[in-house]
Amino acid sequence: MNRWHEVDHYLTETVVRPDDAVRNAVSATHDAGMPAIEVTAGQGKFLMLLARMSGARRILEIGTLGGFSTIWLARGIPEDGTVDTCEFELAHAEVARRNLDSAGVGHKVTIHVGAALDTLLALSGPYDLFFIDADKVNNPQYLEAALRLSRLGSVIVLDNVVRGGNVLNADGDESTLGTRRALEIMGSHPRLESTALQTVGAKDWDGFALAVVRS
């Protein structure tokens, strides 16, 4: 085990302290044969705190998987707040629904099944917080949709932007190129104030980009 995995475990158990509901959500997702690509507990709680600090009441998530990050996001908003989350696979959405209900936040969450780009056309903003963690090829389109559905002060989080350093490959695969294009938009768009951070931990070497809509 890499040293940063050990540190991540220590921080999770000492500071984050996930409860049974989120631990069970991870187990249920893996037991269903779904890929182990959910955010870590530390990243999930970061999203929860970000929602709470920003005063978010409406959240849009692109990429549900088993609902692990969705649980954290739903915990960060008031009882009458809402999360819209987009999931392509019906089987994944069914697992997510069970996990969300078991965690006691299902009443806050609407899962939209189907291609996210189609779903996004039917949604109405503004949303206060966006978490983009789906297929990386479409990251630029997801980012543009978030901007369309945003307001002054909306927060946008784009996950998995470092990809083990592969983001440096200007001639990389479609996922890398989609990530690079989204980062270029975040860095140059006149409506966004953005940053990006590298991370290491249980998910190895990766990172996320964070932006605030300024107009």
N, C-alpha and C. Protein backbone atom coordinates (compact mmCIF):
# COMPACT_ATOMS: atom_id res chain seq x y z
N MET A 1 0.85 -1.20 0.00
CA MET A 1 0.00 0.00 0.00
C MET A 1 0.88 1.25 0.00
N ASN A 2 0.57 2.19 -0.90
CA ASN A 2 1.32 3.43 -0.93
C ASN A 2 1.11 4.22 0.35
N ARG A 3 2.10 5.01 0.71
CA ARG A 3 2.02 5.78 1.95
C ARG A 3 0.78 6.67 1.96
N TRP A 4 0.44 7.25 0.80
CA TRP A 4 -0.70 8.16 0.79
C TRP A 4 -2.02 7.42 1.00
N HIS A 5 -2.07 6.11 0.67
CA HIS A 5 -3.25 5.32 1.00
C HIS A 5 -3.39 5.21 2.52
N GLU A 6 -2.28 4.98 3.19
CA GLU A 6 -2.29 4.86 4.65
C GLU A 6 -2.72 6.18 5.29
N VAL A 7 -2.21 7.28 4.76
CA VAL A 7 -2.59 8.59 5.29
C VAL A 7 -4.08 8.85 5.05
N ASP A 8 -4.56 8.49 3.87
CA ASP A 8 -5.98 8.68 3.56
C ASP A 8 -6.84 7.90 4.54
N HIS A 9 -6.45 6.66 4.83
CA HIS A 9 -7.20 5.84 5.78
C HIS A 9 -7.19 6.49 7.17
N TYR A 10 -6.03 6.97 7.58
CA TYR A 10 -5.92 7.63 8.90
C TYR A 10 -6.82 8.86 8.97
N LEU A 11 -6.79 9.69 7.94
CA LEU A 11 -7.60 10.91 7.94
C LEU A 11 -9.09 10.57 7.91
N THR A 12 -9.44 9.54 7.14
CA THR A 12 -10.84 9.14 7.07
C THR A 12 -11.35 8.70 8.43
N GLU A 13 -10.58 7.87 9.10
CA GLU A 13 -11.03 7.34 10.39
C GLU A 13 -10.95 8.37 11.51
N THR A 14 -10.01 9.31 11.40
CA THR A 14 -9.79 10.27 12.48
C THR A 14 -10.64 11.53 12.33
N VAL A 15 -10.79 12.02 11.10
CA VAL A 15 -11.44 13.30 10.86
C VAL A 15 -12.81 13.14 10.19
N VAL A 16 -12.85 12.39 9.11
CA VAL A 16 -14.09 12.28 8.35
C VAL A 16 -15.11 11.44 9.10
N ARG A 17 -14.70 10.29 9.56
CA ARG A 17 -15.52 9.40 10.37
C ARG A 17 -16.86 9.08 9.71
N PRO A 18 -16.83 8.43 8.55
CA PRO A 18 -18.08 8.09 7.85
C PRO A 18 -18.92 7.13 8.68
N ASP A 19 -20.24 7.29 8.59
CA ASP A 19 -21.14 6.44 9.35
C ASP A 19 -21.50 5.19 8.55
N ASP A 20 -22.33 4.35 9.15
CA ASP A 20 -22.69 3.08 8.52
C ASP A 20 -23.42 3.29 7.21
N ALA A 21 -24.21 4.36 7.11
CA ALA A 21 -25.00 4.57 5.89
C ALA A 21 -24.10 4.74 4.67
N VAL A 22 -23.05 5.53 4.80
CA VAL A 22 -22.17 5.73 3.65
C VAL A 22 -21.27 4.52 3.43
N ARG A 23 -20.85 3.86 4.49
CA ARG A 23 -20.05 2.64 4.33
C ARG A 23 -20.89 1.57 3.62
N ASN A 24 -22.14 1.44 4.04
CA ASN A 24 -23.01 0.44 3.42
C ASN A 24 -23.30 0.76 1.96
N ALA A 25 -23.35 2.05 1.63
CA ALA A 25 -23.57 2.43 0.24
C ALA A 25 -22.43 1.97 -0.65
N VAL A 26 -21.21 2.11 -0.15
CA VAL A 26 -20.05 1.64 -0.91
C VAL A 26 -20.11 0.12 -1.07
N SER A 27 -20.40 -0.59 0.01
CA SER A 27 -20.47 -2.05 -0.04
C SER A 27 -21.56 -2.52 -1.01
N ALA A 28 -22.72 -1.88 -0.95
CA ALA A 28 -23.82 -2.27 -1.82
C ALA A 28 -23.49 -2.02 -3.29
N THR A 29 -22.78 -0.93 -3.54
CA THR A 29 -22.38 -0.61 -4.91
C THR A 29 -21.41 -1.65 -5.45
N HIS A 30 -20.43 -2.02 -4.65
CA HIS A 30 -19.45 -3.02 -5.09
C HIS A 30 -20.10 -4.40 -5.20
N ASP A 31 -21.00 -4.74 -4.27
CA ASP A 31 -21.68 -6.03 -4.32
C ASP A 31 -22.53 -6.17 -5.57
N ALA A 32 -22.98 -5.03 -6.10
CA ALA A 32 -23.79 -5.05 -7.33
C ALA A 32 -22.93 -5.17 -8.58
N GLY A 33 -21.63 -5.30 -8.39
CA GLY A 33 -20.72 -5.45 -9.53
C GLY A 33 -20.39 -4.17 -10.25
N MET A 34 -20.67 -3.04 -9.61
CA MET A 34 -20.38 -1.75 -10.21
C MET A 34 -18.92 -1.37 -9.95
N PRO A 35 -18.32 -0.56 -10.81
CA PRO A 35 -16.91 -0.21 -10.64
C PRO A 35 -16.66 0.60 -9.38
N ALA A 36 -15.50 0.38 -8.78
CA ALA A 36 -15.14 1.08 -7.53
C ALA A 36 -14.52 2.43 -7.86
N ILE A 37 -15.33 3.31 -8.43
CA ILE A 37 -14.82 4.61 -8.87
C ILE A 37 -15.52 5.76 -8.16
N GLU A 38 -16.25 5.45 -7.08
CA GLU A 38 -16.90 6.52 -6.32
C GLU A 38 -15.84 7.39 -5.63
N VAL A 39 -16.21 8.59 -5.26
CA VAL A 39 -15.29 9.46 -4.54
C VAL A 39 -14.96 8.82 -3.20
N THR A 40 -13.85 9.23 -2.60
CA THR A 40 -13.51 8.75 -1.28
C THR A 40 -14.42 9.40 -0.24
N ALA A 41 -14.39 8.87 0.97
CA ALA A 41 -15.19 9.47 2.05
C ALA A 41 -14.74 10.90 2.32
N GLY A 42 -13.44 11.14 2.27
CA GLY A 42 -12.94 12.49 2.48
C GLY A 42 -13.40 13.45 1.42
N GLN A 43 -13.41 13.00 0.17
CA GLN A 43 -13.89 13.85 -0.91
C GLN A 43 -15.39 14.06 -0.80
N GLY A 44 -16.11 13.01 -0.39
CA GLY A 44 -17.54 13.15 -0.22
C GLY A 44 -17.90 14.16 0.85
N LYS A 45 -17.18 14.10 1.97
CA LYS A 45 -17.48 15.06 3.03
C LYS A 45 -17.06 16.47 2.62
N PHE A 46 -16.02 16.58 1.80
CA PHE A 46 -15.65 17.89 1.25
C PHE A 46 -16.82 18.46 0.46
N LEU A 47 -17.46 17.64 -0.35
CA LEU A 47 -18.62 18.10 -1.12
C LEU A 47 -19.76 18.52 -0.20
N MET A 48 -19.98 17.75 0.86
CA MET A 48 -21.02 18.10 1.82
C MET A 48 -20.75 19.46 2.45
N LEU A 49 -19.52 19.65 2.88
CA LEU A 49 -19.16 20.92 3.52
C LEU A 49 -19.20 22.07 2.53
N LEU A 50 -18.81 21.82 1.30
CA LEU A 50 -18.87 22.85 0.27
C LEU A 50 -20.31 23.28 0.03
N ALA A 51 -21.21 22.31 -0.03
CA ALA A 51 -22.63 22.64 -0.19
C ALA A 51 -23.12 23.47 0.99
N ARG A 52 -22.72 23.08 2.17
CA ARG A 52 -23.17 23.78 3.37
C ARG A 52 -22.58 25.19 3.44
N MET A 53 -21.29 25.33 3.15
CA MET A 53 -20.63 26.63 3.23
C MET A 53 -21.17 27.60 2.18
N SER A 54 -21.54 27.06 1.02
CA SER A 54 -22.04 27.93 -0.06
C SER A 54 -23.53 28.24 0.09
N GLY A 55 -24.17 27.61 1.06
CA GLY A 55 -25.60 27.83 1.25
C GLY A 55 -26.46 27.23 0.17
N ALA A 56 -25.96 26.17 -0.47
CA ALA A 56 -26.69 25.57 -1.59
C ALA A 56 -28.03 24.99 -1.15
N ARG A 57 -29.02 25.17 -1.99
CA ARG A 57 -30.34 24.58 -1.79
C ARG A 57 -30.72 23.68 -2.97
N ARG A 58 -30.18 23.98 -4.14
CA ARG A 58 -30.43 23.15 -5.33
C ARG A 58 -29.08 22.71 -5.88
N ILE A 59 -28.92 21.41 -6.04
CA ILE A 59 -27.66 20.84 -6.53
C ILE A 59 -27.95 20.01 -7.77
N LEU A 60 -27.04 20.09 -8.73
CA LEU A 60 -27.10 19.23 -9.91
C LEU A 60 -25.82 18.41 -9.97
N GLU A 61 -26.00 17.10 -9.97
CA GLU A 61 -24.87 16.17 -10.07
C GLU A 61 -24.96 15.44 -11.40
N ILE A 62 -23.84 15.35 -12.09
CA ILE A 62 -23.79 14.61 -13.36
C ILE A 62 -22.89 13.41 -13.14
N GLY A 63 -23.51 12.24 -13.03
CA GLY A 63 -22.80 11.01 -12.73
C GLY A 63 -23.14 10.50 -11.34
N THR A 64 -24.14 9.61 -11.25
CA THR A 64 -24.63 9.15 -9.95
C THR A 64 -23.89 7.93 -9.44
N LEU A 65 -23.64 6.97 -10.33
CA LEU A 65 -23.12 5.66 -9.99
C LEU A 65 -24.01 5.05 -8.89
N GLY A 66 -23.45 4.70 -7.73
CA GLY A 66 -24.24 4.10 -6.67
C GLY A 66 -24.78 5.09 -5.67
N GLY A 67 -24.63 6.37 -5.93
CA GLY A 67 -25.21 7.39 -5.07
C GLY A 67 -24.36 7.79 -3.88
N PHE A 68 -23.09 7.38 -3.86
CA PHE A 68 -22.24 7.69 -2.71
C PHE A 68 -22.03 9.20 -2.58
N SER A 69 -21.56 9.84 -3.64
CA SER A 69 -21.38 11.29 -3.58
C SER A 69 -22.72 12.00 -3.43
N THR A 70 -23.78 11.40 -3.98
CA THR A 70 -25.11 12.00 -3.88
C THR A 70 -25.57 12.08 -2.43
N ILE A 71 -25.26 11.05 -1.66
CA ILE A 71 -25.62 11.06 -0.24
C ILE A 71 -24.95 12.23 0.46
N TRP A 72 -23.66 12.41 0.22
CA TRP A 72 -22.93 13.51 0.86
C TRP A 72 -23.50 14.86 0.44
N LEU A 73 -23.79 15.01 -0.85
CA LEU A 73 -24.35 16.28 -1.33
C LEU A 73 -25.70 16.56 -0.68
N ALA A 74 -26.54 15.53 -0.60
CA ALA A 74 -27.86 15.71 0.00
C ALA A 74 -27.76 16.07 1.48
N ARG A 75 -26.75 15.56 2.15
CA ARG A 75 -26.55 15.89 3.55
C ARG A 75 -26.10 17.34 3.75
N GLY A 76 -25.60 17.95 2.69
CA GLY A 76 -25.09 19.32 2.82
C GLY A 76 -26.12 20.40 2.59
N ILE A 77 -27.35 20.01 2.24
CA ILE A 77 -28.39 21.00 1.96
C ILE A 77 -29.50 20.91 3.01
N PRO A 78 -30.32 21.95 3.10
CA PRO A 78 -31.42 21.93 4.07
C PRO A 78 -32.42 20.81 3.78
N GLU A 79 -33.29 20.56 4.74
CA GLU A 79 -34.25 19.47 4.60
C GLU A 79 -35.17 19.68 3.40
N ASP A 80 -35.44 20.93 3.03
CA ASP A 80 -36.28 21.19 1.86
C ASP A 80 -35.47 21.45 0.60
N GLY A 81 -34.16 21.18 0.65
CA GLY A 81 -33.31 21.32 -0.53
C GLY A 81 -33.48 20.13 -1.46
N THR A 82 -32.95 20.26 -2.68
CA THR A 82 -33.10 19.20 -3.68
C THR A 82 -31.79 18.93 -4.41
N VAL A 83 -31.62 17.68 -4.79
CA VAL A 83 -30.51 17.26 -5.64
C VAL A 83 -31.09 16.58 -6.87
N ASP A 84 -30.74 17.07 -8.06
CA ASP A 84 -31.01 16.37 -9.31
C ASP A 84 -29.72 15.68 -9.72
N THR A 85 -29.79 14.39 -9.97
CA THR A 85 -28.59 13.66 -10.35
C THR A 85 -28.85 12.84 -11.61
N CYS A 86 -27.89 12.82 -12.50
CA CYS A 86 -28.03 12.21 -13.82
C CYS A 86 -27.23 10.91 -13.89
N GLU A 87 -27.89 9.82 -14.27
CA GLU A 87 -27.23 8.52 -14.38
C GLU A 87 -27.66 7.83 -15.67
N PHE A 88 -26.70 7.39 -16.43
CA PHE A 88 -26.98 6.77 -17.73
C PHE A 88 -27.57 5.37 -17.59
N GLU A 89 -27.03 4.59 -16.65
CA GLU A 89 -27.40 3.18 -16.51
C GLU A 89 -28.56 3.00 -15.53
N LEU A 90 -29.63 2.36 -15.99
CA LEU A 90 -30.78 2.10 -15.14
C LEU A 90 -30.40 1.24 -13.93
N ALA A 91 -29.58 0.23 -14.14
CA ALA A 91 -29.18 -0.65 -13.03
C ALA A 91 -28.43 0.13 -11.96
N HIS A 92 -27.58 1.06 -12.37
CA HIS A 92 -26.87 1.90 -11.41
C HIS A 92 -27.85 2.79 -10.65
N ALA A 93 -28.80 3.34 -11.35
CA ALA A 93 -29.79 4.23 -10.72
C ALA A 93 -30.61 3.47 -9.68
N GLU A 94 -30.91 2.21 -9.95
CA GLU A 94 -31.69 1.42 -8.99
C GLU A 94 -30.89 1.17 -7.72
N VAL A 95 -29.60 0.88 -7.86
CA VAL A 95 -28.74 0.71 -6.68
C VAL A 95 -28.64 2.03 -5.92
N ALA A 96 -28.47 3.12 -6.66
CA ALA A 96 -28.36 4.43 -6.03
C ALA A 96 -29.63 4.77 -5.25
N ARG A 97 -30.78 4.47 -5.82
CA ARG A 97 -32.04 4.78 -5.13
C ARG A 97 -32.12 4.03 -3.80
N ARG A 98 -31.74 2.78 -3.79
CA ARG A 98 -31.77 2.01 -2.54
C ARG A 98 -30.78 2.60 -1.53
N ASN A 99 -29.60 2.96 -2.00
CA ASN A 99 -28.60 3.54 -1.09
C ASN A 99 -29.07 4.88 -0.52
N LEU A 100 -29.65 5.71 -1.36
CA LEU A 100 -30.12 7.02 -0.90
C LEU A 100 -31.25 6.87 0.11
N ASP A 101 -32.18 5.97 -0.16
CA ASP A 101 -33.29 5.77 0.77
C ASP A 101 -32.78 5.20 2.09
N SER A 102 -31.83 4.27 2.02
CA SER A 102 -31.28 3.68 3.24
C SER A 102 -30.54 4.72 4.07
N ALA A 103 -29.93 5.71 3.40
CA ALA A 103 -29.21 6.76 4.11
C ALA A 103 -30.13 7.86 4.64
N GLY A 104 -31.41 7.78 4.33
CA GLY A 104 -32.38 8.75 4.84
C GLY A 104 -32.44 10.06 4.09
N VAL A 105 -31.87 10.10 2.87
CA VAL A 105 -31.88 11.35 2.09
C VAL A 105 -32.60 11.20 0.76
N GLY A 106 -33.22 10.06 0.54
CA GLY A 106 -33.84 9.80 -0.75
C GLY A 106 -34.91 10.80 -1.13
N HIS A 107 -35.60 11.36 -0.14
CA HIS A 107 -36.68 12.31 -0.42
C HIS A 107 -36.17 13.63 -1.00
N LYS A 108 -34.87 13.87 -0.88
CA LYS A 108 -34.30 15.09 -1.43
C LYS A 108 -33.81 14.93 -2.87
N VAL A 109 -33.74 13.69 -3.33
CA VAL A 109 -33.01 13.39 -4.57
C VAL A 109 -33.91 12.86 -5.67
N THR A 110 -33.79 13.46 -6.86
CA THR A 110 -34.42 12.94 -8.07
C THR A 110 -33.33 12.39 -8.98
N ILE A 111 -33.45 11.13 -9.35
CA ILE A 111 -32.48 10.51 -10.26
C ILE A 111 -33.07 10.53 -11.66
N HIS A 112 -32.34 11.13 -12.59
CA HIS A 112 -32.75 11.20 -13.98
C HIS A 112 -31.96 10.16 -14.77
N VAL A 113 -32.65 9.16 -15.31
CA VAL A 113 -31.99 8.06 -16.01
C VAL A 113 -31.96 8.34 -17.50
N GLY A 114 -30.78 8.17 -18.08
CA GLY A 114 -30.61 8.40 -19.52
C GLY A 114 -29.37 9.21 -19.78
N ALA A 115 -29.15 9.53 -21.03
CA ALA A 115 -27.98 10.33 -21.41
C ALA A 115 -28.08 11.71 -20.76
N ALA A 116 -27.05 12.09 -20.03
CA ALA A 116 -27.08 13.35 -19.28
C ALA A 116 -27.28 14.55 -20.20
N LEU A 117 -26.68 14.51 -21.38
CA LEU A 117 -26.81 15.65 -22.29
C LEU A 117 -28.26 15.88 -22.69
N ASP A 118 -29.04 14.79 -22.77
CA ASP A 118 -30.47 14.94 -23.05
C ASP A 118 -31.21 15.45 -21.83
N THR A 119 -30.89 14.89 -20.66
CA THR A 119 -31.54 15.32 -19.42
C THR A 119 -31.31 16.79 -19.17
N LEU A 120 -30.09 17.24 -19.38
CA LEU A 120 -29.73 18.62 -19.06
C LEU A 120 -30.54 19.63 -19.87
N LEU A 121 -30.94 19.23 -21.07
CA LEU A 121 -31.74 20.13 -21.91
C LEU A 121 -33.12 20.36 -21.31
N ALA A 122 -33.58 19.41 -20.50
CA ALA A 122 -34.93 19.50 -19.95
C ALA A 122 -34.97 20.12 -18.56
N LEU A 123 -33.83 20.38 -17.95
CA LEU A 123 -33.78 20.93 -16.61
C LEU A 123 -33.81 22.45 -16.63
N SER A 124 -34.32 23.02 -15.57
CA SER A 124 -34.39 24.48 -15.43
C SER A 124 -33.56 24.91 -14.23
N GLY A 125 -32.76 25.94 -14.40
CA GLY A 125 -31.96 26.48 -13.32
C GLY A 125 -32.69 27.57 -12.58
N PRO A 126 -32.00 28.30 -11.73
CA PRO A 126 -30.58 28.08 -11.50
C PRO A 126 -30.31 27.06 -10.39
N TYR A 127 -29.15 26.41 -10.48
CA TYR A 127 -28.65 25.55 -9.42
C TYR A 127 -27.53 26.29 -8.68
N ASP A 128 -27.38 25.93 -7.43
CA ASP A 128 -26.39 26.59 -6.59
C ASP A 128 -25.04 25.90 -6.62
N LEU A 129 -25.04 24.58 -6.87
CA LEU A 129 -23.81 23.79 -6.85
C LEU A 129 -23.92 22.70 -7.89
N PHE A 130 -22.83 22.50 -8.62
CA PHE A 130 -22.76 21.45 -9.64
C PHE A 130 -21.59 20.53 -9.32
N PHE A 131 -21.81 19.23 -9.43
CA PHE A 131 -20.72 18.26 -9.30
C PHE A 131 -20.72 17.42 -10.56
N ILE A 132 -19.65 17.55 -11.35
CA ILE A 132 -19.54 16.87 -12.64
C ILE A 132 -18.55 15.73 -12.49
N ASP A 133 -19.07 14.49 -12.59
CA ASP A 133 -18.23 13.31 -12.38
C ASP A 133 -18.79 12.16 -13.21
N ALA A 134 -18.81 12.35 -14.53
CA ALA A 134 -19.37 11.35 -15.43
C ALA A 134 -18.32 11.04 -16.51
N ASP A 135 -18.78 10.64 -17.69
CA ASP A 135 -17.84 10.35 -18.77
C ASP A 135 -17.07 11.62 -19.13
N LYS A 136 -15.77 11.48 -19.22
CA LYS A 136 -14.91 12.65 -19.36
C LYS A 136 -14.92 13.23 -20.78
N VAL A 137 -15.32 12.41 -21.74
CA VAL A 137 -15.38 12.89 -23.13
C VAL A 137 -16.30 14.10 -23.23
N ASN A 138 -17.40 14.07 -22.49
CA ASN A 138 -18.39 15.13 -22.58
C ASN A 138 -18.22 16.22 -21.54
N ASN A 139 -17.09 16.26 -20.85
CA ASN A 139 -16.87 17.29 -19.84
C ASN A 139 -17.10 18.72 -20.36
N PRO A 140 -16.62 19.06 -21.55
CA PRO A 140 -16.87 20.43 -22.03
C PRO A 140 -18.36 20.74 -22.16
N GLN A 141 -19.15 19.78 -22.66
CA GLN A 141 -20.58 20.00 -22.80
C GLN A 141 -21.27 20.07 -21.45
N TYR A 142 -20.83 19.25 -20.51
CA TYR A 142 -21.41 19.31 -19.16
C TYR A 142 -21.11 20.66 -18.51
N LEU A 143 -19.91 21.14 -18.72
CA LEU A 143 -19.54 22.43 -18.15
C LEU A 143 -20.37 23.56 -18.76
N GLU A 144 -20.55 23.52 -20.05
CA GLU A 144 -21.37 24.55 -20.70
C GLU A 144 -22.81 24.48 -20.22
N ALA A 145 -23.32 23.28 -20.00
CA ALA A 145 -24.68 23.14 -19.48
C ALA A 145 -24.77 23.71 -18.07
N ALA A 146 -23.75 23.45 -17.26
CA ALA A 146 -23.74 24.01 -15.91
C ALA A 146 -23.77 25.53 -15.94
N LEU A 147 -23.01 26.11 -16.83
CA LEU A 147 -23.01 27.56 -16.95
C LEU A 147 -24.40 28.08 -17.34
N ARG A 148 -25.05 27.36 -18.23
CA ARG A 148 -26.40 27.78 -18.66
C ARG A 148 -27.39 27.71 -17.50
N LEU A 149 -27.18 26.76 -16.61
CA LEU A 149 -28.11 26.54 -15.51
C LEU A 149 -27.66 27.20 -14.20
N SER A 150 -26.67 28.07 -14.28
CA SER A 150 -26.08 28.66 -13.08
C SER A 150 -26.64 30.05 -12.81
N ARG A 151 -26.15 30.62 -11.72
CA ARG A 151 -26.46 32.00 -11.33
C ARG A 151 -25.18 32.61 -10.80
N LEU A 152 -25.19 33.89 -10.54
CA LEU A 152 -24.07 34.54 -9.88
C LEU A 152 -23.80 33.85 -8.55
N GLY A 153 -22.58 33.37 -8.37
CA GLY A 153 -22.21 32.72 -7.12
C GLY A 153 -22.33 31.21 -7.13
N SER A 154 -22.87 30.62 -8.18
CA SER A 154 -22.94 29.17 -8.26
C SER A 154 -21.54 28.57 -8.23
N VAL A 155 -21.43 27.38 -7.64
CA VAL A 155 -20.16 26.68 -7.52
C VAL A 155 -20.16 25.47 -8.45
N ILE A 156 -19.07 25.27 -9.17
CA ILE A 156 -18.93 24.13 -10.08
C ILE A 156 -17.70 23.33 -9.68
N VAL A 157 -17.88 22.02 -9.47
CA VAL A 157 -16.77 21.11 -9.17
C VAL A 157 -16.66 20.10 -10.30
N LEU A 158 -15.49 20.00 -10.89
CA LEU A 158 -15.22 19.04 -11.96
C LEU A 158 -14.21 18.03 -11.43
N ASP A 159 -14.58 16.76 -11.39
CA ASP A 159 -13.74 15.74 -10.77
C ASP A 159 -12.82 15.05 -11.77
N ASN A 160 -11.79 14.40 -11.23
CA ASN A 160 -10.87 13.55 -12.00
C ASN A 160 -10.16 14.30 -13.12
N VAL A 161 -9.56 15.42 -12.78
CA VAL A 161 -8.95 16.25 -13.83
C VAL A 161 -7.46 15.99 -14.03
N VAL A 162 -6.83 15.23 -13.15
CA VAL A 162 -5.39 14.97 -13.29
C VAL A 162 -5.15 13.61 -13.92
N ARG A 163 -5.94 12.62 -13.51
CA ARG A 163 -5.92 11.31 -14.16
C ARG A 163 -4.53 10.69 -14.17
N GLY A 164 -3.87 10.69 -13.01
CA GLY A 164 -2.55 10.10 -12.91
C GLY A 164 -1.49 10.81 -13.74
N GLY A 165 -1.72 12.07 -14.03
CA GLY A 165 -0.79 12.86 -14.83
C GLY A 165 -1.10 12.84 -16.31
N ASN A 166 -2.06 12.05 -16.73
CA ASN A 166 -2.37 11.94 -18.16
C ASN A 166 -2.94 13.23 -18.74
N VAL A 167 -3.37 14.14 -17.87
CA VAL A 167 -3.90 15.40 -18.37
C VAL A 167 -2.85 16.18 -19.16
N LEU A 168 -1.58 15.85 -18.97
CA LEU A 168 -0.52 16.52 -19.72
C LEU A 168 -0.45 16.09 -21.18
N ASN A 169 -1.14 15.01 -21.52
CA ASN A 169 -1.02 14.45 -22.87
C ASN A 169 -1.96 15.16 -23.84
N ALA A 170 -1.41 16.10 -24.59
CA ALA A 170 -2.22 16.84 -25.56
C ALA A 170 -2.70 15.96 -26.70
N ASP A 171 -2.09 14.80 -26.87
CA ASP A 171 -2.51 13.85 -27.89
C ASP A 171 -3.06 12.59 -27.24
N GLY A 172 -3.64 12.74 -26.06
CA GLY A 172 -4.15 11.60 -25.31
C GLY A 172 -5.47 11.09 -25.86
N ASP A 173 -6.10 10.18 -25.10
CA ASP A 173 -7.37 9.61 -25.55
C ASP A 173 -8.50 10.63 -25.41
N GLU A 174 -9.69 10.22 -25.82
CA GLU A 174 -10.81 11.16 -25.85
C GLU A 174 -11.17 11.67 -24.46
N SER A 175 -11.03 10.81 -23.45
CA SER A 175 -11.34 11.25 -22.09
C SER A 175 -10.36 12.32 -21.62
N THR A 176 -9.09 12.12 -21.94
CA THR A 176 -8.08 13.12 -21.58
C THR A 176 -8.33 14.42 -22.32
N LEU A 177 -8.64 14.33 -23.59
CA LEU A 177 -8.87 15.54 -24.37
C LEU A 177 -10.12 16.28 -23.90
N GLY A 178 -11.16 15.52 -23.49
CA GLY A 178 -12.35 16.16 -22.96
C GLY A 178 -12.06 16.89 -21.66
N THR A 179 -11.23 16.28 -20.83
CA THR A 179 -10.84 16.93 -19.57
C THR A 179 -10.02 18.17 -19.82
N ARG A 180 -9.05 18.07 -20.73
CA ARG A 180 -8.22 19.23 -21.04
C ARG A 180 -9.05 20.38 -21.58
N ARG A 181 -10.00 20.09 -22.45
CA ARG A 181 -10.82 21.15 -23.03
C ARG A 181 -11.66 21.81 -21.93
N ALA A 182 -12.20 21.00 -21.01
CA ALA A 182 -12.99 21.57 -19.92
C ALA A 182 -12.14 22.47 -19.04
N LEU A 183 -10.92 22.05 -18.76
CA LEU A 183 -10.01 22.88 -17.95
C LEU A 183 -9.68 24.18 -18.67
N GLU A 184 -9.50 24.12 -19.98
CA GLU A 184 -9.23 25.34 -20.74
C GLU A 184 -10.42 26.30 -20.67
N ILE A 185 -11.62 25.75 -20.73
CA ILE A 185 -12.81 26.59 -20.60
C ILE A 185 -12.86 27.23 -19.22
N MET A 186 -12.60 26.44 -18.19
CA MET A 186 -12.66 26.96 -16.83
C MET A 186 -11.62 28.05 -16.60
N GLY A 187 -10.48 27.91 -17.24
CA GLY A 187 -9.43 28.89 -17.05
C GLY A 187 -9.60 30.17 -17.84
N SER A 188 -10.41 30.14 -18.89
CA SER A 188 -10.51 31.29 -19.78
C SER A 188 -11.90 31.91 -19.86
N HIS A 189 -12.90 31.23 -19.33
CA HIS A 189 -14.27 31.72 -19.49
C HIS A 189 -14.48 33.00 -18.69
N PRO A 190 -15.05 34.02 -19.29
CA PRO A 190 -15.20 35.30 -18.58
C PRO A 190 -16.17 35.24 -17.40
N ARG A 191 -17.01 34.22 -17.34
CA ARG A 191 -17.97 34.13 -16.24
C ARG A 191 -17.46 33.30 -15.07
N LEU A 192 -16.25 32.75 -15.18
CA LEU A 192 -15.76 31.84 -14.16
C LEU A 192 -14.47 32.32 -13.51
N GLU A 193 -14.39 32.12 -12.20
CA GLU A 193 -13.15 32.27 -11.44
C GLU A 193 -12.80 30.86 -10.96
N SER A 194 -11.67 30.31 -11.42
CA SER A 194 -11.42 28.89 -11.26
C SER A 194 -10.05 28.59 -10.68
N THR A 195 -9.95 27.38 -10.12
CA THR A 195 -8.66 26.82 -9.71
C THR A 195 -8.72 25.32 -9.93
N ALA A 196 -7.58 24.66 -9.81
CA ALA A 196 -7.51 23.21 -9.91
C ALA A 196 -6.44 22.71 -8.95
N LEU A 197 -6.72 21.57 -8.31
CA LEU A 197 -5.82 21.03 -7.30
C LEU A 197 -5.55 19.56 -7.58
N GLN A 198 -4.29 19.16 -7.40
CA GLN A 198 -3.93 17.75 -7.45
C GLN A 198 -4.22 17.11 -6.10
N THR A 199 -4.58 15.84 -6.13
CA THR A 199 -4.80 15.09 -4.89
C THR A 199 -4.11 13.74 -4.98
N VAL A 200 -3.73 13.20 -3.83
CA VAL A 200 -3.29 11.80 -3.73
C VAL A 200 -4.05 11.17 -2.58
N GLY A 201 -4.25 9.87 -2.65
CA GLY A 201 -4.98 9.20 -1.59
C GLY A 201 -5.43 7.84 -2.05
N ALA A 202 -6.57 7.39 -1.53
CA ALA A 202 -7.07 6.06 -1.85
C ALA A 202 -7.37 5.89 -3.33
N LYS A 203 -7.61 6.99 -4.02
CA LYS A 203 -7.85 6.94 -5.47
C LYS A 203 -6.59 7.28 -6.25
N ASP A 204 -5.44 7.14 -5.59
CA ASP A 204 -4.14 7.40 -6.21
C ASP A 204 -4.01 8.87 -6.59
N TRP A 205 -3.39 9.15 -7.74
CA TRP A 205 -3.04 10.51 -8.13
C TRP A 205 -4.11 11.08 -9.05
N ASP A 206 -4.79 12.10 -8.57
CA ASP A 206 -5.84 12.71 -9.38
C ASP A 206 -6.02 14.16 -8.95
N GLY A 207 -7.20 14.70 -9.06
CA GLY A 207 -7.43 16.09 -8.68
C GLY A 207 -8.79 16.55 -9.14
N PHE A 208 -9.11 17.79 -8.79
CA PHE A 208 -10.40 18.36 -9.18
C PHE A 208 -10.22 19.83 -9.50
N ALA A 209 -11.15 20.37 -10.26
CA ALA A 209 -11.19 21.80 -10.55
C ALA A 209 -12.43 22.39 -9.88
N LEU A 210 -12.27 23.61 -9.44
CA LEU A 210 -13.33 24.30 -8.68
C LEU A 210 -13.51 25.69 -9.25
N ALA A 211 -14.75 26.09 -9.47
CA ALA A 211 -15.02 27.42 -10.03
C ALA A 211 -16.23 28.04 -9.37
N VAL A 212 -16.23 29.37 -9.36
CA VAL A 212 -17.38 30.15 -8.91
C VAL A 212 -17.84 31.00 -10.10
N VAL A 213 -19.13 31.01 -10.33
CA VAL A 213 -19.69 31.83 -11.41
C VAL A 213 -19.73 33.28 -10.93
N ARG A 214 -19.09 34.17 -11.69
CA ARG A 214 -18.95 35.55 -11.23
C ARG A 214 -19.81 36.55 -12.00
N SER A 215 -20.61 36.10 -12.89
CA SER A 215 -21.53 37.00 -13.59
C SER A 215 -22.67 36.21 -14.21
